[in-house]
Amino acid sequence: MKVALITPGDIAPDFELMDAYGKLVRLSSFQNEKIVVLSFLRGFF
């Protein structure tokens, strides 16, 4: 499988994830509204 890499300054690809409440959230729904910070944590806390 070939993975497309992004570099600083690129527009992030659109994707969906579940939020902390189980609601499906799409990245594009925040376009031009808010700053989005993604944090990928390893393991469980």
PDB file of N, CA and C in Angstrom:
ATOM      1  N   MET A   1       0.844  -1.173   0.000  1.00  0.00           N
ATOM      2  CA  MET A   1       0.000   0.000   0.000  1.00  0.00           C
ATOM      3  C   MET A   1       0.890   1.237   0.000  1.00  0.00           C
ATOM      4  N   LYS A   2       0.596   2.168  -0.861  1.00  0.00           N
ATOM      5  CA  LYS A   2       1.353   3.406  -0.960  1.00  0.00           C
ATOM      6  C   LYS A   2       0.625   4.496  -0.177  1.00  0.00           C
ATOM      7  N   VAL A   3       1.354   5.196   0.697  1.00  0.00           N
ATOM      8  CA  VAL A   3       0.776   6.232   1.532  1.00  0.00           C
ATOM      9  C   VAL A   3       1.227   7.597   1.025  1.00  0.00           C
ATOM     10  N   ALA A   4       0.269   8.494   0.848  1.00  0.00           N
ATOM     11  CA  ALA A   4       0.594   9.858   0.418  1.00  0.00           C
ATOM     12  C   ALA A   4       1.030  10.661   1.632  1.00  0.00           C
ATOM     13  N   LEU A   5       2.183  11.285   1.548  1.00  0.00           N
ATOM     14  CA  LEU A   5       2.688  12.090   2.648  1.00  0.00           C
ATOM     15  C   LEU A   5       2.331  13.553   2.430  1.00  0.00           C
ATOM     16  N   ILE A   6       2.148  14.257   3.522  1.00  0.00           N
ATOM     17  CA  ILE A   6       1.912  15.694   3.439  1.00  0.00           C
ATOM     18  C   ILE A   6       3.107  16.412   4.059  1.00  0.00           C
ATOM     19  N   THR A   7       3.312  17.634   3.654  1.00  0.00           N
ATOM     20  CA  THR A   7       4.410  18.439   4.178  1.00  0.00           C
ATOM     21  C   THR A   7       3.827  19.712   4.791  1.00  0.00           C
ATOM     22  N   PRO A   8       4.587  20.388   5.645  1.00  0.00           N
ATOM     23  CA  PRO A   8       4.086  21.623   6.241  1.00  0.00           C
ATOM     24  C   PRO A   8       3.594  22.596   5.162  1.00  0.00           C
ATOM     25  N   GLY A   9       2.421  23.156   5.395  1.00  0.00           N
ATOM     26  CA  GLY A   9       1.823  24.089   4.445  1.00  0.00           C
ATOM     27  C   GLY A   9       0.800  23.449   3.526  1.00  0.00           C
ATOM     28  N   ASP A  10       0.798  22.106   3.438  1.00  0.00           N
ATOM     29  CA  ASP A  10      -0.203  21.402   2.626  1.00  0.00           C
ATOM     30  C   ASP A  10      -1.568  21.465   3.307  1.00  0.00           C
ATOM     31  N   ILE A  11      -2.609  21.393   2.514  1.00  0.00           N
ATOM     32  CA  ILE A  11      -3.961  21.289   3.053  1.00  0.00           C
ATOM     33  C   ILE A  11      -4.165  19.850   3.507  1.00  0.00           C
ATOM     34  N   ALA A  12      -4.669  19.684   4.715  1.00  0.00           N
ATOM     35  CA  ALA A  12      -4.880  18.347   5.270  1.00  0.00           C
ATOM     36  C   ALA A  12      -5.988  17.627   4.504  1.00  0.00           C
ATOM     37  N   PRO A  13      -5.838  16.333   4.286  1.00  0.00           N
ATOM     38  CA  PRO A  13      -6.909  15.573   3.640  1.00  0.00           C
ATOM     39  C   PRO A  13      -8.118  15.474   4.573  1.00  0.00           C
ATOM     40  N   ASP A  14      -9.294  15.440   4.002  1.00  0.00           N
ATOM     41  CA  ASP A  14     -10.508  15.343   4.798  1.00  0.00           C
ATOM     42  C   ASP A  14     -10.639  13.931   5.355  1.00  0.00           C
ATOM     43  N   PHE A  15     -11.100  13.813   6.601  1.00  0.00           N
ATOM     44  CA  PHE A  15     -11.318  12.500   7.212  1.00  0.00           C
ATOM     45  C   PHE A  15     -12.375  12.628   8.301  1.00  0.00           C
ATOM     46  N   GLU A  16     -12.862  11.484   8.766  1.00  0.00           N
ATOM     47  CA  GLU A  16     -13.855  11.435   9.838  1.00  0.00           C
ATOM     48  C   GLU A  16     -13.311  10.614  10.992  1.00  0.00           C
ATOM     49  N   LEU A  17     -13.604  11.052  12.218  1.00  0.00           N
ATOM     50  CA  LEU A  17     -13.255  10.317  13.430  1.00  0.00           C
ATOM     51  C   LEU A  17     -14.389  10.464  14.431  1.00  0.00           C
ATOM     52  N   MET A  18     -14.433   9.548  15.384  1.00  0.00           N
ATOM     53  CA  MET A  18     -15.407   9.646  16.465  1.00  0.00           C
ATOM     54  C   MET A  18     -14.838  10.558  17.542  1.00  0.00           C
ATOM     55  N   ASP A  19     -15.685  11.452  18.072  1.00  0.00           N
ATOM     56  CA  ASP A  19     -15.226  12.299  19.170  1.00  0.00           C
ATOM     57  C   ASP A  19     -15.370  11.543  20.496  1.00  0.00           C
ATOM     58  N   ALA A  20     -15.090  12.204  21.605  1.00  0.00           N
ATOM     59  CA  ALA A  20     -15.126  11.566  22.922  1.00  0.00           C
ATOM     60  C   ALA A  20     -16.524  11.106  23.322  1.00  0.00           C
ATOM     61  N   TYR A  21     -17.550  11.622  22.640  1.00  0.00           N
ATOM     62  CA  TYR A  21     -18.931  11.268  22.949  1.00  0.00           C
ATOM     63  C   TYR A  21     -19.532  10.281  21.949  1.00  0.00           C
ATOM     64  N   GLY A  22     -18.710   9.776  21.021  1.00  0.00           N
ATOM     65  CA  GLY A  22     -19.185   8.805  20.041  1.00  0.00           C
ATOM     66  C   GLY A  22     -19.812   9.418  18.808  1.00  0.00           C
ATOM     67  N   LYS A  23     -19.747  10.741  18.673  1.00  0.00           N
ATOM     68  CA  LYS A  23     -20.323  11.436  17.519  1.00  0.00           C
ATOM     69  C   LYS A  23     -19.290  11.487  16.398  1.00  0.00           C
ATOM     70  N   LEU A  24     -19.713  11.200  15.175  1.00  0.00           N
ATOM     71  CA  LEU A  24     -18.831  11.251  14.020  1.00  0.00           C
ATOM     72  C   LEU A  24     -18.561  12.706  13.644  1.00  0.00           C
ATOM     73  N   VAL A  25     -17.286  13.068  13.534  1.00  0.00           N
ATOM     74  CA  VAL A  25     -16.885  14.439  13.241  1.00  0.00           C
ATOM     75  C   VAL A  25     -15.995  14.431  12.006  1.00  0.00           C
ATOM     76  N   ARG A  26     -16.274  15.324  11.065  1.00  0.00           N
ATOM     77  CA  ARG A  26     -15.500  15.431   9.830  1.00  0.00           C
ATOM     78  C   ARG A  26     -14.621  16.677   9.911  1.00  0.00           C
ATOM     79  N   LEU A  27     -13.352  16.536   9.522  1.00  0.00           N
ATOM     80  CA  LEU A  27     -12.417  17.652   9.560  1.00  0.00           C
ATOM     81  C   LEU A  27     -12.935  18.849   8.764  1.00  0.00           C
ATOM     82  N   SER A  28     -13.511  18.620   7.610  1.00  0.00           N
ATOM     83  CA  SER A  28     -13.975  19.722   6.760  1.00  0.00           C
ATOM     84  C   SER A  28     -15.087  20.544   7.405  1.00  0.00           C
ATOM     85  N   SER A  29     -15.756  20.010   8.429  1.00  0.00           N
ATOM     86  CA  SER A  29     -16.814  20.772   9.090  1.00  0.00           C
ATOM     87  C   SER A  29     -16.253  21.949   9.890  1.00  0.00           C
ATOM     88  N   PHE A  30     -14.937  21.974  10.146  1.00  0.00           N
ATOM     89  CA  PHE A  30     -14.315  23.069  10.883  1.00  0.00           C
ATOM     90  C   PHE A  30     -13.625  24.076   9.972  1.00  0.00           C
ATOM     91  N   GLN A  31     -13.686  23.855   8.659  1.00  0.00           N
ATOM     92  CA  GLN A  31     -12.997  24.722   7.710  1.00  0.00           C
ATOM     93  C   GLN A  31     -13.472  26.165   7.848  1.00  0.00           C
ATOM     94  N   ASN A  32     -12.517  27.086   7.932  1.00  0.00           N
ATOM     95  CA  ASN A  32     -12.765  28.527   8.058  1.00  0.00           C
ATOM     96  C   ASN A  32     -13.512  28.913   9.331  1.00  0.00           C
ATOM     97  N   GLU A  33     -13.564  28.023  10.328  1.00  0.00           N
ATOM     98  CA  GLU A  33     -14.251  28.332  11.574  1.00  0.00           C
ATOM     99  C   GLU A  33     -13.329  28.312  12.779  1.00  0.00           C
ATOM    100  N   LYS A  34     -12.489  27.278  12.863  1.00  0.00           N
ATOM    101  CA  LYS A  34     -11.687  27.080  14.057  1.00  0.00           C
ATOM    102  C   LYS A  34     -10.310  26.563  13.682  1.00  0.00           C
ATOM    103  N   ILE A  35      -9.398  26.663  14.632  1.00  0.00           N
ATOM    104  CA  ILE A  35      -8.094  26.025  14.487  1.00  0.00           C
ATOM    105  C   ILE A  35      -8.229  24.616  15.040  1.00  0.00           C
ATOM    106  N   VAL A  36      -7.751  23.632  14.312  1.00  0.00           N
ATOM    107  CA  VAL A  36      -7.860  22.240  14.726  1.00  0.00           C
ATOM    108  C   VAL A  36      -6.482  21.718  15.086  1.00  0.00           C
ATOM    109  N   VAL A  37      -6.371  21.113  16.269  1.00  0.00           N
ATOM    110  CA  VAL A  37      -5.130  20.496  16.713  1.00  0.00           C
ATOM    111  C   VAL A  37      -5.402  19.007  16.885  1.00  0.00           C
ATOM    112  N   LEU A  38      -4.621  18.187  16.211  1.00  0.00           N
ATOM    113  CA  LEU A  38      -4.754  16.741  16.333  1.00  0.00           C
ATOM    114  C   LEU A  38      -3.662  16.208  17.224  1.00  0.00           C
ATOM    115  N   SER A  39      -4.033  15.319  18.120  1.00  0.00           N
ATOM    116  CA  SER A  39      -3.050  14.700  19.000  1.00  0.00           C
ATOM    117  C   SER A  39      -3.294  13.196  18.982  1.00  0.00           C
ATOM    118  N   PHE A  40      -2.297  12.451  18.578  1.00  0.00           N
ATOM    119  CA  PHE A  40      -2.399  11.002  18.519  1.00  0.00           C
ATOM    120  C   PHE A  40      -1.623  10.423  19.694  1.00  0.00           C
ATOM    121  N   LEU A  41      -2.337   9.851  20.654  1.00  0.00           N
ATOM    122  CA  LEU A  41      -1.725   9.305  21.851  1.00  0.00           C
ATOM    123  C   LEU A  41      -1.522   7.803  21.713  1.00  0.00           C
ATOM    124  N   ARG A  42      -0.424   7.326  22.228  1.00  0.00           N
ATOM    125  CA  ARG A  42      -0.155   5.887  22.216  1.00  0.00           C
ATOM    126  C   ARG A  42      -0.619   5.296  23.532  1.00  0.00           C
ATOM    127  N   GLY A  43      -1.340   4.210  23.455  1.00  0.00           N
ATOM    128  CA  GLY A  43      -1.779   3.526  24.669  1.00  0.00           C
ATOM    129  C   GLY A  43      -3.013   4.134  25.276  1.00  0.00           C
ATOM    130  N   PHE A  44      -3.353   3.649  26.452  1.00  0.00           N
ATOM    131  CA  PHE A  44      -4.535   4.110  27.164  1.00  0.00           C
ATOM    132  C   PHE A  44      -4.125   4.775  28.462  1.00  0.00           C
ATOM    133  N   PHE A  45      -4.879   5.791  28.840  1.00  0.00           N
ATOM    134  CA  PHE A  45      -4.567   6.512  30.074  1.00  0.00           C
ATOM    135  C   PHE A  45      -5.686   6.357  31.068  1.00  0.00           C
TER     136      PHE A  45
END
